[in-house]
């Protein structure tokens, strides 16, 4: 990606992706989007975003194994991972994972993403 900070948003909800995209693009962040973890893995591997935000339910819809595969791959790339929702599948957490419990407010979530982007810079 270019010199701009980048975020990959993984969520089945188009509305959630639109809200996050709009807010983060206004702050000069490049956005990648995916609705499924398989698509997100390809994008993350190709573009190496600075932060990945993923809805836990989007991963759970595919299976606990795919969620773990996704988290392990992201961890191996050392990309901070913000998971929207709670720990469920095996209650396993990785060092690069942060959980934002639902229901969440967009303001604090966007501020946290920006903090992680600041650390990545």
PDB file of N, CA and C in Angstrom:
ATOM      1  N   UNK A   1       0.847  -1.176   0.000  1.00  0.00           N
ATOM      2  CA  UNK A   1       0.000   0.000   0.000  1.00  0.00           C
ATOM      3  C   UNK A   1       0.893   1.240   0.000  1.00  0.00           C
ATOM      4  N   UNK A   2       0.289   2.386  -0.158  1.00  0.00           N
ATOM      5  CA  UNK A   2       1.062   3.629  -0.193  1.00  0.00           C
ATOM      6  C   UNK A   2       1.558   3.970   1.204  1.00  0.00           C
ATOM      7  N   UNK A   3       2.100   5.164   1.377  1.00  0.00           N
ATOM      8  CA  UNK A   3       2.612   5.587   2.666  1.00  0.00           C
ATOM      9  C   UNK A   3       1.523   5.895   3.677  1.00  0.00           C
ATOM     10  N   UNK A   4       0.273   5.891   3.246  1.00  0.00           N
ATOM     11  CA  UNK A   4      -0.833   6.148   4.168  1.00  0.00           C
ATOM     12  C   UNK A   4      -1.054   4.944   5.076  1.00  0.00           C
ATOM     13  N   UNK A   5      -1.539   5.188   6.298  1.00  0.00           N
ATOM     14  CA  UNK A   5      -1.899   4.054   7.143  1.00  0.00           C
ATOM     15  C   UNK A   5      -3.064   3.297   6.499  1.00  0.00           C
ATOM     16  N   UNK A   6      -3.140   1.994   6.779  1.00  0.00           N
ATOM     17  CA  UNK A   6      -4.183   1.185   6.159  1.00  0.00           C
ATOM     18  C   UNK A   6      -4.854   0.271   7.174  1.00  0.00           C
ATOM     19  N   UNK A   7      -6.142   0.044   6.948  1.00  0.00           N
ATOM     20  CA  UNK A   7      -6.956  -0.810   7.813  1.00  0.00           C
ATOM     21  C   UNK A   7      -7.757  -1.755   6.933  1.00  0.00           C
ATOM     22  N   UNK A   8      -7.765  -3.018   7.308  1.00  0.00           N
ATOM     23  CA  UNK A   8      -8.619  -4.006   6.672  1.00  0.00           C
ATOM     24  C   UNK A   8      -9.815  -4.234   7.588  1.00  0.00           C
ATOM     25  N   UNK A   9     -11.015  -4.017   7.057  1.00  0.00           N
ATOM     26  CA  UNK A   9     -12.251  -4.212   7.814  1.00  0.00           C
ATOM     27  C   UNK A   9     -12.902  -5.498   7.313  1.00  0.00           C
ATOM     28  N   UNK A  10     -13.137  -6.440   8.238  1.00  0.00           N
ATOM     29  CA  UNK A  10     -13.744  -7.720   7.894  1.00  0.00           C
ATOM     30  C   UNK A  10     -15.055  -7.833   8.658  1.00  0.00           C
ATOM     31  N   UNK A  11     -16.154  -7.712   7.934  1.00  0.00           N
ATOM     32  CA  UNK A  11     -17.473  -7.755   8.569  1.00  0.00           C
ATOM     33  C   UNK A  11     -18.501  -8.100   7.511  1.00  0.00           C
ATOM     34  N   UNK A  12     -19.417  -8.994   7.857  1.00  0.00           N
ATOM     35  CA  UNK A  12     -20.495  -9.333   6.925  1.00  0.00           C
ATOM     36  C   UNK A  12     -21.452  -8.167   6.726  1.00  0.00           C
ATOM     37  N   UNK A  13     -21.495  -7.265   7.700  1.00  0.00           N
ATOM     38  CA  UNK A  13     -22.416  -6.135   7.651  1.00  0.00           C
ATOM     39  C   UNK A  13     -21.849  -5.006   6.788  1.00  0.00           C
ATOM     40  N   UNK A  14     -22.508  -4.757   5.671  1.00  0.00           N
ATOM     41  CA  UNK A  14     -22.114  -3.656   4.802  1.00  0.00           C
ATOM     42  C   UNK A  14     -22.215  -2.327   5.546  1.00  0.00           C
ATOM     43  N   UNK A  15     -23.232  -2.175   6.374  1.00  0.00           N
ATOM     44  CA  UNK A  15     -23.422  -0.931   7.130  1.00  0.00           C
ATOM     45  C   UNK A  15     -22.226  -0.656   8.041  1.00  0.00           C
ATOM     46  N   UNK A  16     -21.774  -1.656   8.766  1.00  0.00           N
ATOM     47  CA  UNK A  16     -20.624  -1.474   9.647  1.00  0.00           C
ATOM     48  C   UNK A  16     -19.386  -1.104   8.850  1.00  0.00           C
ATOM     49  N   UNK A  17     -19.157  -1.804   7.747  1.00  0.00           N
ATOM     50  CA  UNK A  17     -17.996  -1.484   6.906  1.00  0.00           C
ATOM     51  C   UNK A  17     -18.080  -0.055   6.389  1.00  0.00           C
ATOM     52  N   UNK A  18     -19.279   0.385   5.989  1.00  0.00           N
ATOM     53  CA  UNK A  18     -19.445   1.749   5.470  1.00  0.00           C
ATOM     54  C   UNK A  18     -19.153   2.793   6.538  1.00  0.00           C
ATOM     55  N   UNK A  19     -19.664   2.591   7.749  1.00  0.00           N
ATOM     56  CA  UNK A  19     -19.439   3.566   8.826  1.00  0.00           C
ATOM     57  C   UNK A  19     -17.947   3.670   9.140  1.00  0.00           C
ATOM     58  N   UNK A  20     -17.288   2.522   9.318  1.00  0.00           N
ATOM     59  CA  UNK A  20     -15.859   2.547   9.626  1.00  0.00           C
ATOM     60  C   UNK A  20     -15.050   3.119   8.467  1.00  0.00           C
ATOM     61  N   UNK A  21     -15.381   2.716   7.241  1.00  0.00           N
ATOM     62  CA  UNK A  21     -14.667   3.225   6.068  1.00  0.00           C
ATOM     63  C   UNK A  21     -14.767   4.745   6.004  1.00  0.00           C
ATOM     64  N   UNK A  22     -15.975   5.270   6.119  1.00  0.00           N
ATOM     65  CA  UNK A  22     -16.187   6.707   6.015  1.00  0.00           C
ATOM     66  C   UNK A  22     -15.406   7.468   7.081  1.00  0.00           C
ATOM     67  N   UNK A  23     -15.499   7.020   8.326  1.00  0.00           N
ATOM     68  CA  UNK A  23     -14.817   7.710   9.428  1.00  0.00           C
ATOM     69  C   UNK A  23     -13.300   7.647   9.282  1.00  0.00           C
ATOM     70  N   UNK A  24     -12.774   6.491   8.911  1.00  0.00           N
ATOM     71  CA  UNK A  24     -11.323   6.346   8.816  1.00  0.00           C
ATOM     72  C   UNK A  24     -10.746   7.001   7.565  1.00  0.00           C
ATOM     73  N   UNK A  25     -11.474   6.972   6.460  1.00  0.00           N
ATOM     74  CA  UNK A  25     -10.987   7.637   5.246  1.00  0.00           C
ATOM     75  C   UNK A  25     -10.900   9.143   5.447  1.00  0.00           C
ATOM     76  N   UNK A  26     -11.819   9.700   6.214  1.00  0.00           N
ATOM     77  CA  UNK A  26     -11.779  11.144   6.505  1.00  0.00           C
ATOM     78  C   UNK A  26     -10.506  11.519   7.249  1.00  0.00           C
ATOM     79  N   UNK A  27      -9.920  10.548   7.910  1.00  0.00           N
ATOM     80  CA  UNK A  27      -8.692  10.782   8.673  1.00  0.00           C
ATOM     81  C   UNK A  27      -7.449  10.387   7.868  1.00  0.00           C
ATOM     82  N   UNK A  28      -7.629  10.108   6.576  1.00  0.00           N
ATOM     83  CA  UNK A  28      -6.496   9.813   5.714  1.00  0.00           C
ATOM     84  C   UNK A  28      -6.036   8.366   5.725  1.00  0.00           C
ATOM     85  N   UNK A  29      -6.900   7.467   6.135  1.00  0.00           N
ATOM     86  CA  UNK A  29      -6.556   6.045   6.198  1.00  0.00           C
ATOM     87  C   UNK A  29      -7.072   5.328   4.962  1.00  0.00           C
ATOM     88  N   UNK A  30      -6.230   4.492   4.365  1.00  0.00           N
ATOM     89  CA  UNK A  30      -6.674   3.656   3.257  1.00  0.00           C
ATOM     90  C   UNK A  30      -7.435   2.463   3.835  1.00  0.00           C
ATOM     91  N   UNK A  31      -8.499   2.075   3.156  1.00  0.00           N
ATOM     92  CA  UNK A  31      -9.372   1.010   3.651  1.00  0.00           C
ATOM     93  C   UNK A  31      -9.431  -0.141   2.652  1.00  0.00           C
ATOM     94  N   UNK A  32      -9.312  -1.336   3.186  1.00  0.00           N
ATOM     95  CA  UNK A  32      -9.578  -2.568   2.457  1.00  0.00           C
ATOM     96  C   UNK A  32     -10.783  -3.196   3.138  1.00  0.00           C
ATOM     97  N   UNK A  33     -11.613  -3.887   2.375  1.00  0.00           N
ATOM     98  CA  UNK A  33     -12.820  -4.480   2.963  1.00  0.00           C
ATOM     99  C   UNK A  33     -13.002  -5.918   2.502  1.00  0.00           C
ATOM    100  N   UNK A  34     -13.547  -6.717   3.416  1.00  0.00           N
ATOM    101  CA  UNK A  34     -13.904  -8.100   3.106  1.00  0.00           C
ATOM    102  C   UNK A  34     -15.097  -8.479   3.972  1.00  0.00           C
ATOM    103  N   UNK A  35     -15.926  -9.369   3.427  1.00  0.00           N
ATOM    104  CA  UNK A  35     -17.060  -9.847   4.214  1.00  0.00           C
ATOM    105  C   UNK A  35     -16.788 -11.222   4.816  1.00  0.00           C
ATOM    106  N   UNK A  36     -15.747 -11.903   4.352  1.00  0.00           N
ATOM    107  CA  UNK A  36     -15.422 -13.254   4.821  1.00  0.00           C
ATOM    108  C   UNK A  36     -13.923 -13.354   5.123  1.00  0.00           C
ATOM    109  N   UNK A  37     -13.575 -14.271   6.021  1.00  0.00           N
ATOM    110  CA  UNK A  37     -12.169 -14.401   6.417  1.00  0.00           C
ATOM    111  C   UNK A  37     -11.282 -14.884   5.277  1.00  0.00           C
ATOM    112  N   UNK A  38     -11.788 -15.735   4.402  1.00  0.00           N
ATOM    113  CA  UNK A  38     -10.954 -16.231   3.295  1.00  0.00           C
ATOM    114  C   UNK A  38     -10.541 -15.080   2.374  1.00  0.00           C
ATOM    115  N   UNK A  39     -11.469 -14.201   2.077  1.00  0.00           N
ATOM    116  CA  UNK A  39     -11.175 -13.018   1.265  1.00  0.00           C
ATOM    117  C   UNK A  39     -10.221 -12.090   2.022  1.00  0.00           C
ATOM    118  N   UNK A  40     -10.460 -11.944   3.324  1.00  0.00           N
ATOM    119  CA  UNK A  40      -9.628 -11.070   4.151  1.00  0.00           C
ATOM    120  C   UNK A  40      -8.184 -11.561   4.211  1.00  0.00           C
ATOM    121  N   UNK A  41      -7.988 -12.868   4.313  1.00  0.00           N
ATOM    122  CA  UNK A  41      -6.626 -13.412   4.350  1.00  0.00           C
ATOM    123  C   UNK A  41      -5.859 -13.081   3.074  1.00  0.00           C
ATOM    124  N   UNK A  42      -6.531 -13.203   1.947  1.00  0.00           N
ATOM    125  CA  UNK A  42      -5.866 -12.876   0.675  1.00  0.00           C
ATOM    126  C   UNK A  42      -5.480 -11.391   0.641  1.00  0.00           C
ATOM    127  N   UNK A  43      -6.398 -10.524   1.060  1.00  0.00           N
ATOM    128  CA  UNK A  43      -6.116  -9.089   1.072  1.00  0.00           C
ATOM    129  C   UNK A  43      -4.996  -8.750   2.055  1.00  0.00           C
ATOM    130  N   UNK A  44      -5.040  -9.349   3.230  1.00  0.00           N
ATOM    131  CA  UNK A  44      -4.021  -9.067   4.250  1.00  0.00           C
ATOM    132  C   UNK A  44      -2.641  -9.527   3.792  1.00  0.00           C
ATOM    133  N   UNK A  45      -2.587 -10.692   3.186  1.00  0.00           N
ATOM    134  CA  UNK A  45      -1.301 -11.204   2.714  1.00  0.00           C
ATOM    135  C   UNK A  45      -0.735 -10.319   1.606  1.00  0.00           C
ATOM    136  N   UNK A  46      -1.585  -9.879   0.712  1.00  0.00           N
ATOM    137  CA  UNK A  46      -1.141  -9.056  -0.417  1.00  0.00           C
ATOM    138  C   UNK A  46      -0.754  -7.638   0.004  1.00  0.00           C
ATOM    139  N   UNK A  47      -1.568  -7.016   0.877  1.00  0.00           N
ATOM    140  CA  UNK A  47      -1.400  -5.589   1.185  1.00  0.00           C
ATOM    141  C   UNK A  47      -0.766  -5.298   2.539  1.00  0.00           C
ATOM    142  N   UNK A  48      -0.715  -6.276   3.446  1.00  0.00           N
ATOM    143  CA  UNK A  48      -0.128  -6.088   4.774  1.00  0.00           C
ATOM    144  C   UNK A  48      -0.617  -4.789   5.434  1.00  0.00           C
ATOM    145  N   UNK A  49      -1.917  -4.705   5.738  1.00  0.00           N
ATOM    146  CA  UNK A  49      -2.441  -3.492   6.364  1.00  0.00           C
ATOM    147  C   UNK A  49      -1.826  -3.284   7.750  1.00  0.00           C
ATOM    148  N   UNK A  50      -1.948  -2.080   8.255  1.00  0.00           N
ATOM    149  CA  UNK A  50      -1.386  -1.744   9.563  1.00  0.00           C
ATOM    150  C   UNK A  50      -2.234  -2.292  10.708  1.00  0.00           C
ATOM    151  N   UNK A  51      -3.545  -2.396  10.483  1.00  0.00           N
ATOM    152  CA  UNK A  51      -4.478  -2.896  11.499  1.00  0.00           C
ATOM    153  C   UNK A  51      -5.577  -3.666  10.777  1.00  0.00           C
ATOM    154  N   UNK A  52      -6.062  -4.721  11.422  1.00  0.00           N
ATOM    155  CA  UNK A  52      -7.218  -5.450  10.907  1.00  0.00           C
ATOM    156  C   UNK A  52      -8.312  -5.397  11.961  1.00  0.00           C
ATOM    157  N   UNK A  53      -9.514  -5.018  11.523  1.00  0.00           N
ATOM    158  CA  UNK A  53     -10.697  -4.997  12.385  1.00  0.00           C
ATOM    159  C   UNK A  53     -11.630  -6.070  11.860  1.00  0.00           C
ATOM    160  N   UNK A  54     -11.994  -7.020  12.713  1.00  0.00           N
ATOM    161  CA  UNK A  54     -12.818  -8.136  12.257  1.00  0.00           C
ATOM    162  C   UNK A  54     -13.967  -8.388  13.221  1.00  0.00           C
ATOM    163  N   UNK A  55     -15.142  -8.577  12.660  1.00  0.00           N
ATOM    164  CA  UNK A  55     -16.308  -8.928  13.460  1.00  0.00           C
ATOM    165  C   UNK A  55     -16.234 -10.423  13.781  1.00  0.00           C
ATOM    166  N   UNK A  56     -16.264 -10.752  15.050  1.00  0.00           N
ATOM    167  CA  UNK A  56     -16.145 -12.143  15.505  1.00  0.00           C
ATOM    168  C   UNK A  56     -17.233 -13.012  14.887  1.00  0.00           C
ATOM    169  N   UNK A  57     -18.437 -12.479  14.748  1.00  0.00           N
ATOM    170  CA  UNK A  57     -19.534 -13.252  14.180  1.00  0.00           C
ATOM    171  C   UNK A  57     -19.295 -13.580  12.710  1.00  0.00           C
ATOM    172  N   UNK A  58     -18.595 -12.722  11.999  1.00  0.00           N
ATOM    173  CA  UNK A  58     -18.273 -13.017  10.603  1.00  0.00           C
ATOM    174  C   UNK A  58     -17.347 -14.233  10.519  1.00  0.00           C
ATOM    175  N   UNK A  59     -16.443 -14.342  11.474  1.00  0.00           N
ATOM    176  CA  UNK A  59     -15.551 -15.497  11.502  1.00  0.00           C
ATOM    177  C   UNK A  59     -16.271 -16.729  12.030  1.00  0.00           C
ATOM    178  N   UNK A  60     -17.103 -16.555  13.055  1.00  0.00           N
ATOM    179  CA  UNK A  60     -17.828 -17.690  13.625  1.00  0.00           C
ATOM    180  C   UNK A  60     -18.752 -18.326  12.607  1.00  0.00           C
ATOM    181  N   UNK A  61     -19.261 -17.524  11.690  1.00  0.00           N
ATOM    182  CA  UNK A  61     -20.172 -18.055  10.680  1.00  0.00           C
ATOM    183  C   UNK A  61     -19.470 -19.107   9.829  1.00  0.00           C
ATOM    184  N   UNK A  62     -18.158 -19.008   9.730  1.00  0.00           N
ATOM    185  CA  UNK A  62     -17.411 -19.951   8.911  1.00  0.00           C
ATOM    186  C   UNK A  62     -16.986 -21.176   9.712  1.00  0.00           C
ATOM    187  N   UNK A  63     -16.597 -21.041  10.953  1.00  0.00           N
ATOM    188  CA  UNK A  63     -16.248 -22.123  11.871  1.00  0.00           C
ATOM    189  C   UNK A  63     -15.156 -21.652  12.817  1.00  0.00           C
ATOM    190  N   UNK A  64     -15.078 -22.297  13.958  1.00  0.00           N
ATOM    191  CA  UNK A  64     -14.043 -21.946  14.930  1.00  0.00           C
ATOM    192  C   UNK A  64     -12.651 -22.197  14.356  1.00  0.00           C
ATOM    193  N   UNK A  65     -12.505 -23.233  13.559  1.00  0.00           N
ATOM    194  CA  UNK A  65     -11.199 -23.544  12.976  1.00  0.00           C
ATOM    195  C   UNK A  65     -10.744 -22.436  12.033  1.00  0.00           C
ATOM    196  N   UNK A  66     -11.661 -21.929  11.212  1.00  0.00           N
ATOM    197  CA  UNK A  66     -11.285 -20.849  10.292  1.00  0.00           C
ATOM    198  C   UNK A  66     -10.959 -19.584  11.058  1.00  0.00           C
ATOM    199  N   UNK A  67     -11.659 -19.338  12.160  1.00  0.00           N
ATOM    200  CA  UNK A  67     -11.369 -18.179  12.992  1.00  0.00           C
ATOM    201  C   UNK A  67      -9.962 -18.299  13.554  1.00  0.00           C
ATOM    202  N   UNK A  68      -9.616 -19.468  14.060  1.00  0.00           N
ATOM    203  CA  UNK A  68      -8.277 -19.678  14.598  1.00  0.00           C
ATOM    204  C   UNK A  68      -7.218 -19.564  13.504  1.00  0.00           C
ATOM    205  N   UNK A  69      -7.484 -20.126  12.329  1.00  0.00           N
ATOM    206  CA  UNK A  69      -6.538 -20.020  11.205  1.00  0.00           C
ATOM    207  C   UNK A  69      -6.306 -18.559  10.846  1.00  0.00           C
ATOM    208  N   UNK A  70      -7.394 -17.790  10.822  1.00  0.00           N
ATOM    209  CA  UNK A  70      -7.305 -16.366  10.498  1.00  0.00           C
ATOM    210  C   UNK A  70      -6.441 -15.657  11.536  1.00  0.00           C
ATOM    211  N   UNK A  71      -6.736 -15.864  12.817  1.00  0.00           N
ATOM    212  CA  UNK A  71      -6.002 -15.189  13.890  1.00  0.00           C
ATOM    213  C   UNK A  71      -4.527 -15.576  13.887  1.00  0.00           C
ATOM    214  N   UNK A  72      -4.224 -16.836  13.660  1.00  0.00           N
ATOM    215  CA  UNK A  72      -2.831 -17.291  13.648  1.00  0.00           C
ATOM    216  C   UNK A  72      -2.075 -16.674  12.473  1.00  0.00           C
ATOM    217  N   UNK A  73      -2.694 -16.619  11.296  1.00  0.00           N
ATOM    218  CA  UNK A  73      -2.039 -16.006  10.136  1.00  0.00           C
ATOM    219  C   UNK A  73      -1.755 -14.534  10.402  1.00  0.00           C
ATOM    220  N   UNK A  74      -2.729 -13.827  10.924  1.00  0.00           N
ATOM    221  CA  UNK A  74      -2.548 -12.399  11.210  1.00  0.00           C
ATOM    222  C   UNK A  74      -1.454 -12.217  12.265  1.00  0.00           C
ATOM    223  N   UNK A  75      -1.447 -13.082  13.273  1.00  0.00           N
ATOM    224  CA  UNK A  75      -0.417 -13.012  14.315  1.00  0.00           C
ATOM    225  C   UNK A  75       0.976 -13.205  13.712  1.00  0.00           C
ATOM    226  N   UNK A  76       1.099 -14.137  12.774  1.00  0.00           N
ATOM    227  CA  UNK A  76       2.410 -14.401  12.166  1.00  0.00           C
ATOM    228  C   UNK A  76       2.913 -13.186  11.384  1.00  0.00           C
ATOM    229  N   UNK A  77       2.002 -12.353  10.883  1.00  0.00           N
ATOM    230  CA  UNK A  77       2.395 -11.140  10.171  1.00  0.00           C
ATOM    231  C   UNK A  77       2.595  -9.960  11.117  1.00  0.00           C
ATOM    232  N   UNK A  78       2.296 -10.167  12.396  1.00  0.00           N
ATOM    233  CA  UNK A  78       2.438  -9.121  13.433  1.00  0.00           C
ATOM    234  C   UNK A  78       1.561  -7.898  13.156  1.00  0.00           C
ATOM    235  N   UNK A  79       0.377  -8.156  12.663  1.00  0.00           N
ATOM    236  CA  UNK A  79      -0.588  -7.091  12.416  1.00  0.00           C
ATOM    237  C   UNK A  79      -1.547  -7.041  13.596  1.00  0.00           C
ATOM    238  N   UNK A  80      -1.728  -5.867  14.223  1.00  0.00           N
ATOM    239  CA  UNK A  80      -2.704  -5.782  15.308  1.00  0.00           C
ATOM    240  C   UNK A  80      -4.093  -6.171  14.808  1.00  0.00           C
ATOM    241  N   UNK A  81      -4.799  -6.932  15.618  1.00  0.00           N
ATOM    242  CA  UNK A  81      -6.116  -7.446  15.259  1.00  0.00           C
ATOM    243  C   UNK A  81      -7.123  -6.990  16.303  1.00  0.00           C
ATOM    244  N   UNK A  82      -8.121  -6.227  15.861  1.00  0.00           N
ATOM    245  CA  UNK A  82      -9.199  -5.784  16.741  1.00  0.00           C
ATOM    246  C   UNK A  82     -10.410  -6.647  16.418  1.00  0.00           C
ATOM    247  N   UNK A  83     -10.851  -7.425  17.401  1.00  0.00           N
ATOM    248  CA  UNK A  83     -11.971  -8.339  17.216  1.00  0.00           C
ATOM    249  C   UNK A  83     -13.211  -7.726  17.854  1.00  0.00           C
ATOM    250  N   UNK A  84     -14.250  -7.543  17.044  1.00  0.00           N
ATOM    251  CA  UNK A  84     -15.505  -6.988  17.533  1.00  0.00           C
ATOM    252  C   UNK A  84     -16.372  -8.149  18.027  1.00  0.00           C
ATOM    253  N   UNK A  85     -16.565  -8.224  19.322  1.00  0.00           N
ATOM    254  CA  UNK A  85     -17.304  -9.327  19.918  1.00  0.00           C
ATOM    255  C   UNK A  85     -16.474  -9.932  21.028  1.00  0.00           C
ATOM    256  N   UNK A  86     -16.845 -11.125  21.460  1.00  0.00           N
ATOM    257  CA  UNK A  86     -16.147 -11.757  22.569  1.00  0.00           C
ATOM    258  C   UNK A  86     -15.420 -13.011  22.168  1.00  0.00           C
ATOM    259  N   UNK A  87     -14.621 -13.507  23.093  1.00  0.00           N
ATOM    260  CA  UNK A  87     -13.915 -14.756  22.890  1.00  0.00           C
ATOM    261  C   UNK A  87     -14.914 -15.883  23.062  1.00  0.00           C
ATOM    262  N   UNK A  88     -14.958 -16.807  22.107  1.00  0.00           N
ATOM    263  CA  UNK A  88     -15.843 -17.957  22.227  1.00  0.00           C
ATOM    264  C   UNK A  88     -15.137 -19.237  21.839  1.00  0.00           C
ATOM    265  N   UNK A  89     -14.685 -19.338  20.637  1.00  0.00           N
ATOM    266  CA  UNK A  89     -14.120 -20.585  20.106  1.00  0.00           C
ATOM    267  C   UNK A  89     -12.872 -20.983  20.880  1.00  0.00           C
ATOM    268  N   UNK A  90     -13.030 -21.877  21.829  1.00  0.00           N
ATOM    269  CA  UNK A  90     -11.881 -22.359  22.574  1.00  0.00           C
ATOM    270  C   UNK A  90     -11.290 -21.346  23.529  1.00  0.00           C
ATOM    271  N   UNK A  91     -11.860 -20.164  23.615  1.00  0.00           N
ATOM    272  CA  UNK A  91     -11.380 -19.104  24.501  1.00  0.00           C
ATOM    273  C   UNK A  91      -9.887 -18.812  24.317  1.00  0.00           C
ATOM    274  N   UNK A  92      -9.392 -18.992  23.117  1.00  0.00           N
ATOM    275  CA  UNK A  92      -7.974 -18.785  22.819  1.00  0.00           C
ATOM    276  C   UNK A  92      -7.739 -17.358  22.354  1.00  0.00           C
ATOM    277  N   UNK A  93      -6.747 -16.714  22.942  1.00  0.00           N
ATOM    278  CA  UNK A  93      -6.384 -15.355  22.539  1.00  0.00           C
ATOM    279  C   UNK A  93      -4.933 -15.325  22.132  1.00  0.00           C
ATOM    280  N   UNK A  94      -4.634 -14.480  21.169  1.00  0.00           N
ATOM    281  CA  UNK A  94      -3.260 -14.283  20.731  1.00  0.00           C
ATOM    282  C   UNK A  94      -2.787 -12.902  21.170  1.00  0.00           C
ATOM    283  N   UNK A  95      -1.471 -12.706  21.314  1.00  0.00           N
ATOM    284  CA  UNK A  95      -0.959 -11.422  21.813  1.00  0.00           C
ATOM    285  C   UNK A  95      -1.367 -10.212  20.990  1.00  0.00           C
ATOM    286  N   UNK A  96      -1.597 -10.385  19.692  1.00  0.00           N
ATOM    287  CA  UNK A  96      -1.927  -9.233  18.858  1.00  0.00           C
ATOM    288  C   UNK A  96      -3.428  -8.979  18.775  1.00  0.00           C
ATOM    289  N   UNK A  97      -4.233  -9.720  19.552  1.00  0.00           N
ATOM    290  CA  UNK A  97      -5.689  -9.564  19.513  1.00  0.00           C
ATOM    291  C   UNK A  97      -6.169  -8.643  20.628  1.00  0.00           C
ATOM    292  N   UNK A  98      -7.078  -7.766  20.266  1.00  0.00           N
ATOM    293  CA  UNK A  98      -7.798  -6.950  21.238  1.00  0.00           C
ATOM    294  C   UNK A  98      -9.270  -7.186  20.989  1.00  0.00           C
ATOM    295  N   UNK A  99     -10.051  -7.282  22.045  1.00  0.00           N
ATOM    296  CA  UNK A  99     -11.479  -7.513  21.892  1.00  0.00           C
ATOM    297  C   UNK A  99     -12.253  -6.269  22.289  1.00  0.00           C
ATOM    298  N   UNK A 100     -13.214  -5.908  21.452  1.00  0.00           N
ATOM    299  CA  UNK A 100     -14.134  -4.813  21.731  1.00  0.00           C
ATOM    300  C   UNK A 100     -15.508  -5.462  21.848  1.00  0.00           C
ATOM    301  N   UNK A 101     -16.051  -5.446  23.055  1.00  0.00           N
ATOM    302  CA  UNK A 101     -17.304  -6.140  23.347  1.00  0.00           C
ATOM    303  C   UNK A 101     -18.479  -5.420  22.699  1.00  0.00           C
ATOM    304  N   UNK A 102     -19.403  -6.202  22.164  1.00  0.00           N
ATOM    305  CA  UNK A 102     -20.635  -5.656  21.593  1.00  0.00           C
ATOM    306  C   UNK A 102     -21.667  -5.515  22.705  1.00  0.00           C
ATOM    307  N   UNK A 103     -22.532  -4.561  22.620  1.00  0.00           N
ATOM    308  CA  UNK A 103     -22.585  -3.509  21.603  1.00  0.00           C
ATOM    309  C   UNK A 103     -21.503  -2.469  21.873  1.00  0.00           C
ATOM    310  N   UNK A 104     -20.908  -1.979  20.841  1.00  0.00           N
ATOM    311  CA  UNK A 104     -19.851  -0.993  20.957  1.00  0.00           C
ATOM    312  C   UNK A 104     -20.317   0.311  20.325  1.00  0.00           C
ATOM    313  N   UNK A 105     -19.590   1.375  20.659  1.00  0.00           N
ATOM    314  CA  UNK A 105     -19.843   2.683  20.059  1.00  0.00           C
ATOM    315  C   UNK A 105     -18.719   2.955  19.073  1.00  0.00           C
ATOM    316  N   UNK A 106     -19.068   3.536  17.936  1.00  0.00           N
ATOM    317  CA  UNK A 106     -18.085   3.759  16.890  1.00  0.00           C
ATOM    318  C   UNK A 106     -16.982   4.731  17.303  1.00  0.00           C
ATOM    319  N   UNK A 107     -17.312   5.764  18.055  1.00  0.00           N
ATOM    320  CA  UNK A 107     -16.303   6.762  18.444  1.00  0.00           C
ATOM    321  C   UNK A 107     -15.114   6.144  19.154  1.00  0.00           C
ATOM    322  N   UNK A 108     -15.324   5.444  20.273  1.00  0.00           N
ATOM    323  CA  UNK A 108     -14.193   4.816  20.962  1.00  0.00           C
ATOM    324  C   UNK A 108     -13.480   3.765  20.107  1.00  0.00           C
ATOM    325  N   UNK A 109     -14.228   3.039  19.288  1.00  0.00           N
ATOM    326  CA  UNK A 109     -13.612   2.039  18.419  1.00  0.00           C
ATOM    327  C   UNK A 109     -12.667   2.716  17.420  1.00  0.00           C
ATOM    328  N   UNK A 110     -13.110   3.794  16.810  1.00  0.00           N
ATOM    329  CA  UNK A 110     -12.280   4.509  15.838  1.00  0.00           C
ATOM    330  C   UNK A 110     -11.050   5.103  16.518  1.00  0.00           C
ATOM    331  N   UNK A 111     -11.225   5.637  17.725  1.00  0.00           N
ATOM    332  CA  UNK A 111     -10.074   6.168  18.465  1.00  0.00           C
ATOM    333  C   UNK A 111      -9.055   5.061  18.750  1.00  0.00           C
ATOM    334  N   UNK A 112      -9.524   3.872  19.115  1.00  0.00           N
ATOM    335  CA  UNK A 112      -8.611   2.757  19.390  1.00  0.00           C
ATOM    336  C   UNK A 112      -7.878   2.336  18.116  1.00  0.00           C
ATOM    337  N   UNK A 113      -8.574   2.288  17.005  1.00  0.00           N
ATOM    338  CA  UNK A 113      -7.932   1.957  15.733  1.00  0.00           C
ATOM    339  C   UNK A 113      -6.852   2.994  15.415  1.00  0.00           C
ATOM    340  N   UNK A 114      -7.170   4.265  15.627  1.00  0.00           N
ATOM    341  CA  UNK A 114      -6.193   5.321  15.369  1.00  0.00           C
ATOM    342  C   UNK A 114      -4.971   5.202  16.280  1.00  0.00           C
ATOM    343  N   UNK A 115      -5.187   4.811  17.546  1.00  0.00           N
ATOM    344  CA  UNK A 115      -4.065   4.600  18.453  1.00  0.00           C
ATOM    345  C   UNK A 115      -3.158   3.480  17.926  1.00  0.00           C
ATOM    346  N   UNK A 116      -3.761   2.397  17.467  1.00  0.00           N
ATOM    347  CA  UNK A 116      -2.968   1.291  16.922  1.00  0.00           C
ATOM    348  C   UNK A 116      -2.228   1.710  15.656  1.00  0.00           C
ATOM    349  N   UNK A 117      -2.875   2.527  14.831  1.00  0.00           N
ATOM    350  CA  UNK A 117      -2.208   3.046  13.633  1.00  0.00           C
ATOM    351  C   UNK A 117      -1.025   3.915  14.011  1.00  0.00           C
ATOM    352  N   UNK A 118      -1.185   4.708  15.076  1.00  0.00           N
ATOM    353  CA  UNK A 118      -0.095   5.566  15.541  1.00  0.00           C
ATOM    354  C   UNK A 118       1.096   4.746  16.008  1.00  0.00           C
ATOM    355  N   UNK A 119       0.833   3.606  16.664  1.00  0.00           N
ATOM    356  CA  UNK A 119       1.919   2.736  17.107  1.00  0.00           C
ATOM    357  C   UNK A 119       2.608   2.069  15.927  1.00  0.00           C
ATOM    358  N   UNK A 120       1.839   1.790  14.877  1.00  0.00           N
ATOM    359  CA  UNK A 120       2.403   1.109  13.702  1.00  0.00           C
ATOM    360  C   UNK A 120       3.278   2.044  12.869  1.00  0.00           C
ATOM    361  N   UNK A 121       3.036   3.355  13.003  1.00  0.00           N
ATOM    362  CA  UNK A 121       3.749   4.323  12.159  1.00  0.00           C
ATOM    363  C   UNK A 121       5.207   4.474  12.555  1.00  0.00           C
TER     364      UNK A 121
END
